[in-house]
C-alpha atoms as a PDB file:
ATOM      1  CA  MET A   1      18.191 -28.391   1.821  1.00  0.00           C
ATOM      2  CA  ALA A   2      16.569 -29.566   5.030  1.00  0.00           C
ATOM      3  CA  LYS A   3      19.220 -31.738   6.672  1.00  0.00           C
ATOM      4  CA  ILE A   4      22.751 -32.998   6.169  1.00  0.00           C
ATOM      5  CA  LEU A   5      23.493 -36.477   7.463  1.00  0.00           C
ATOM      6  CA  PRO A   6      27.189 -37.201   8.040  1.00  0.00           C
ATOM      7  CA  CYS A   7      27.827 -40.886   7.559  1.00  0.00           C
ATOM      8  CA  HIS A   8      30.480 -43.378   6.654  1.00  0.00           C
ATOM      9  CA  ALA A   9      28.321 -45.992   4.942  1.00  0.00           C
ATOM     10  CA  LEU A  10      24.761 -45.011   4.149  1.00  0.00           C
ATOM     11  CA  ARG A  11      22.109 -47.698   3.940  1.00  0.00           C
ATOM     12  CA  ALA A  12      18.855 -47.330   1.994  1.00  0.00           C
ATOM     13  CA  ASN A  13      16.592 -48.262   4.953  1.00  0.00           C
ATOM     14  CA  PHE A  14      18.155 -45.602   7.153  1.00  0.00           C
ATOM     15  CA  LEU A  15      18.029 -42.960   4.434  1.00  0.00           C
ATOM     16  CA  PHE A  16      14.388 -43.773   3.635  1.00  0.00           C
ATOM     17  CA  SER A  17      13.346 -43.453   7.282  1.00  0.00           C
ATOM     18  CA  GLN A  18      15.227 -40.137   7.627  1.00  0.00           C
ATOM     19  CA  LEU A  19      13.659 -38.777   4.426  1.00  0.00           C
ATOM     20  CA  CYS A  20      10.159 -39.689   5.671  1.00  0.00           C
ATOM     21  CA  LYS A  21      10.843 -38.083   9.074  1.00  0.00           C
ATOM     22  CA  ILE A  22      12.109 -34.866   7.494  1.00  0.00           C
ATOM     23  CA  ILE A  23       9.204 -34.572   5.049  1.00  0.00           C
ATOM     24  CA  THR A  24       6.608 -35.352   7.748  1.00  0.00           C
ATOM     25  CA  SER A  25       8.177 -32.887  10.172  1.00  0.00           C
ATOM     26  CA  LEU A  26       8.386 -30.040   7.661  1.00  0.00           C
ATOM     27  CA  GLU A  27       4.866 -30.592   6.354  1.00  0.00           C
ATOM     28  CA  SER A  28       3.425 -30.769   9.872  1.00  0.00           C
ATOM     29  CA  TYR A  29       4.724 -27.198  10.350  1.00  0.00           C
ATOM     30  CA  GLY A  30       2.984 -26.034   7.179  1.00  0.00           C
ATOM     31  CA  ALA A  31       5.733 -26.432   4.592  1.00  0.00           C
ATOM     32  CA  GLN A  32       4.705 -27.964   1.273  1.00  0.00           C
ATOM     33  CA  ILE A  33       7.351 -30.320  -0.062  1.00  0.00           C
ATOM     34  CA  VAL A  34       7.093 -30.479  -3.843  1.00  0.00           C
ATOM     35  CA  ALA A  35      10.108 -32.520  -4.931  1.00  0.00           C
ATOM     36  CA  VAL A  36      12.996 -34.649  -3.772  1.00  0.00           C
ATOM     37  CA  VAL A  37      16.282 -34.535  -5.712  1.00  0.00           C
ATOM     38  CA  ASN A  38      18.193 -37.734  -6.432  1.00  0.00           C
ATOM     39  CA  ASN A  39      21.698 -37.920  -7.869  1.00  0.00           C
ATOM     40  CA  ASN A  40      21.099 -41.390  -9.344  1.00  0.00           C
ATOM     41  CA  ASN A  41      23.366 -43.070  -6.785  1.00  0.00           C
ATOM     42  CA  ARG A  42      22.675 -46.787  -6.139  1.00  0.00           C
ATOM     43  CA  VAL A  43      21.636 -46.149  -2.505  1.00  0.00           C
ATOM     44  CA  ASN A  44      19.286 -43.337  -3.570  1.00  0.00           C
ATOM     45  CA  GLU A  45      17.709 -45.576  -6.188  1.00  0.00           C
ATOM     46  CA  SER A  46      17.064 -48.165  -3.474  1.00  0.00           C
ATOM     47  CA  VAL A  47      15.456 -45.487  -1.292  1.00  0.00           C
ATOM     48  CA  PHE A  48      13.058 -44.419  -3.993  1.00  0.00           C
ATOM     49  CA  SER A  49      12.189 -48.003  -4.872  1.00  0.00           C
ATOM     50  CA  LYS A  50      10.782 -48.241  -1.304  1.00  0.00           C
ATOM     51  CA  SER A  51       8.441 -45.311  -2.033  1.00  0.00           C
ATOM     52  CA  THR A  52       5.008 -45.779  -3.515  1.00  0.00           C
ATOM     53  CA  ALA A  53       4.293 -44.279  -6.922  1.00  0.00           C
ATOM     54  CA  ILE A  54       0.912 -42.537  -7.056  1.00  0.00           C
ATOM     55  CA  ASP A  55       0.486 -43.670 -10.657  1.00  0.00           C
ATOM     56  CA  GLN A  56       2.502 -46.660 -11.933  1.00  0.00           C
ATOM     57  CA  SER A  57       2.675 -45.062 -15.385  1.00  0.00           C
ATOM     58  CA  ARG A  58       4.415 -42.046 -13.757  1.00  0.00           C
ATOM     59  CA  PRO A  59       7.070 -43.525 -11.431  1.00  0.00           C
ATOM     60  CA  TRP A  60       8.478 -40.028 -10.789  1.00  0.00           C
ATOM     61  CA  THR A  61       5.351 -39.088  -8.753  1.00  0.00           C
ATOM     62  CA  LEU A  62       5.651 -40.511  -5.253  1.00  0.00           C
ATOM     63  CA  GLU A  63       3.211 -40.516  -2.324  1.00  0.00           C
ATOM     64  CA  SER A  64       4.058 -38.024   0.392  1.00  0.00           C
ATOM     65  CA  PRO A  65       4.735 -39.807   3.709  1.00  0.00           C
ATOM     66  CA  PHE A  66       2.756 -36.968   5.403  1.00  0.00           C
ATOM     67  CA  ASP A  67      -0.360 -37.137   3.168  1.00  0.00           C
ATOM     68  CA  SER A  68      -0.718 -40.037   0.737  1.00  0.00           C
ATOM     69  CA  SER A  69      -3.044 -37.982  -1.493  1.00  0.00           C
ATOM     70  CA  MET A  70      -0.228 -35.486  -2.153  1.00  0.00           C
ATOM     71  CA  ALA A  71       2.414 -36.125  -4.815  1.00  0.00           C
ATOM     72  CA  LEU A  72       6.140 -35.621  -4.438  1.00  0.00           C
ATOM     73  CA  PHE A  73       8.101 -35.301  -7.641  1.00  0.00           C
ATOM     74  CA  LEU A  74      11.338 -37.251  -7.966  1.00  0.00           C
ATOM     75  CA  LEU A  75      13.974 -35.168  -9.740  1.00  0.00           C
ATOM     76  CA  TYR A  76      17.383 -36.309 -10.936  1.00  0.00           C
ATOM     77  CA  ASP A  77      20.487 -34.181 -10.581  1.00  0.00           C
ATOM     78  CA  SER A  78      22.562 -36.055 -13.125  1.00  0.00           C
ATOM     79  CA  PRO A  79      24.299 -34.842 -16.262  1.00  0.00           C
ATOM     80  CA  LEU A  80      22.671 -35.785 -19.532  1.00  0.00           C
ATOM     81  CA  ASN A  81      24.668 -38.122 -21.680  1.00  0.00           C
ATOM     82  CA  LYS A  82      24.684 -37.894 -25.483  1.00  0.00           C
ATOM     83  CA  ASP A  83      21.806 -40.377 -25.905  1.00  0.00           C
ATOM     84  CA  HIS A  84      19.577 -38.497 -23.455  1.00  0.00           C
ATOM     85  CA  SER A  85      20.392 -35.180 -25.116  1.00  0.00           C
ATOM     86  CA  GLN A  86      19.437 -36.551 -28.538  1.00  0.00           C
ATOM     87  CA  GLN A  87      16.193 -38.031 -27.216  1.00  0.00           C
ATOM     88  CA  LEU A  88      15.245 -34.623 -25.803  1.00  0.00           C
ATOM     89  CA  GLY A  89      16.230 -32.841 -28.993  1.00  0.00           C
ATOM     90  CA  LEU A  90      19.021 -30.860 -27.349  1.00  0.00           C
END
């Protein structure tokens, strides 16, 4: 966890700009950001729709705002429902 943002009503544009600032700042100090976790909330989905996928066939690989040649992986922190479990053979 890099930063906690207290807020009453979070907007996608604000969250996207904060996410880019945090990633850029950390990577400028030598950290390598590998992934961003999303809880599948509507606002989070809007944030990631503003990001650029490196490969359109792999929408979970996003361009790093620090270095566009680097990939960030989009991970979901959501429980699997029965359909997802069956698709994965679990």
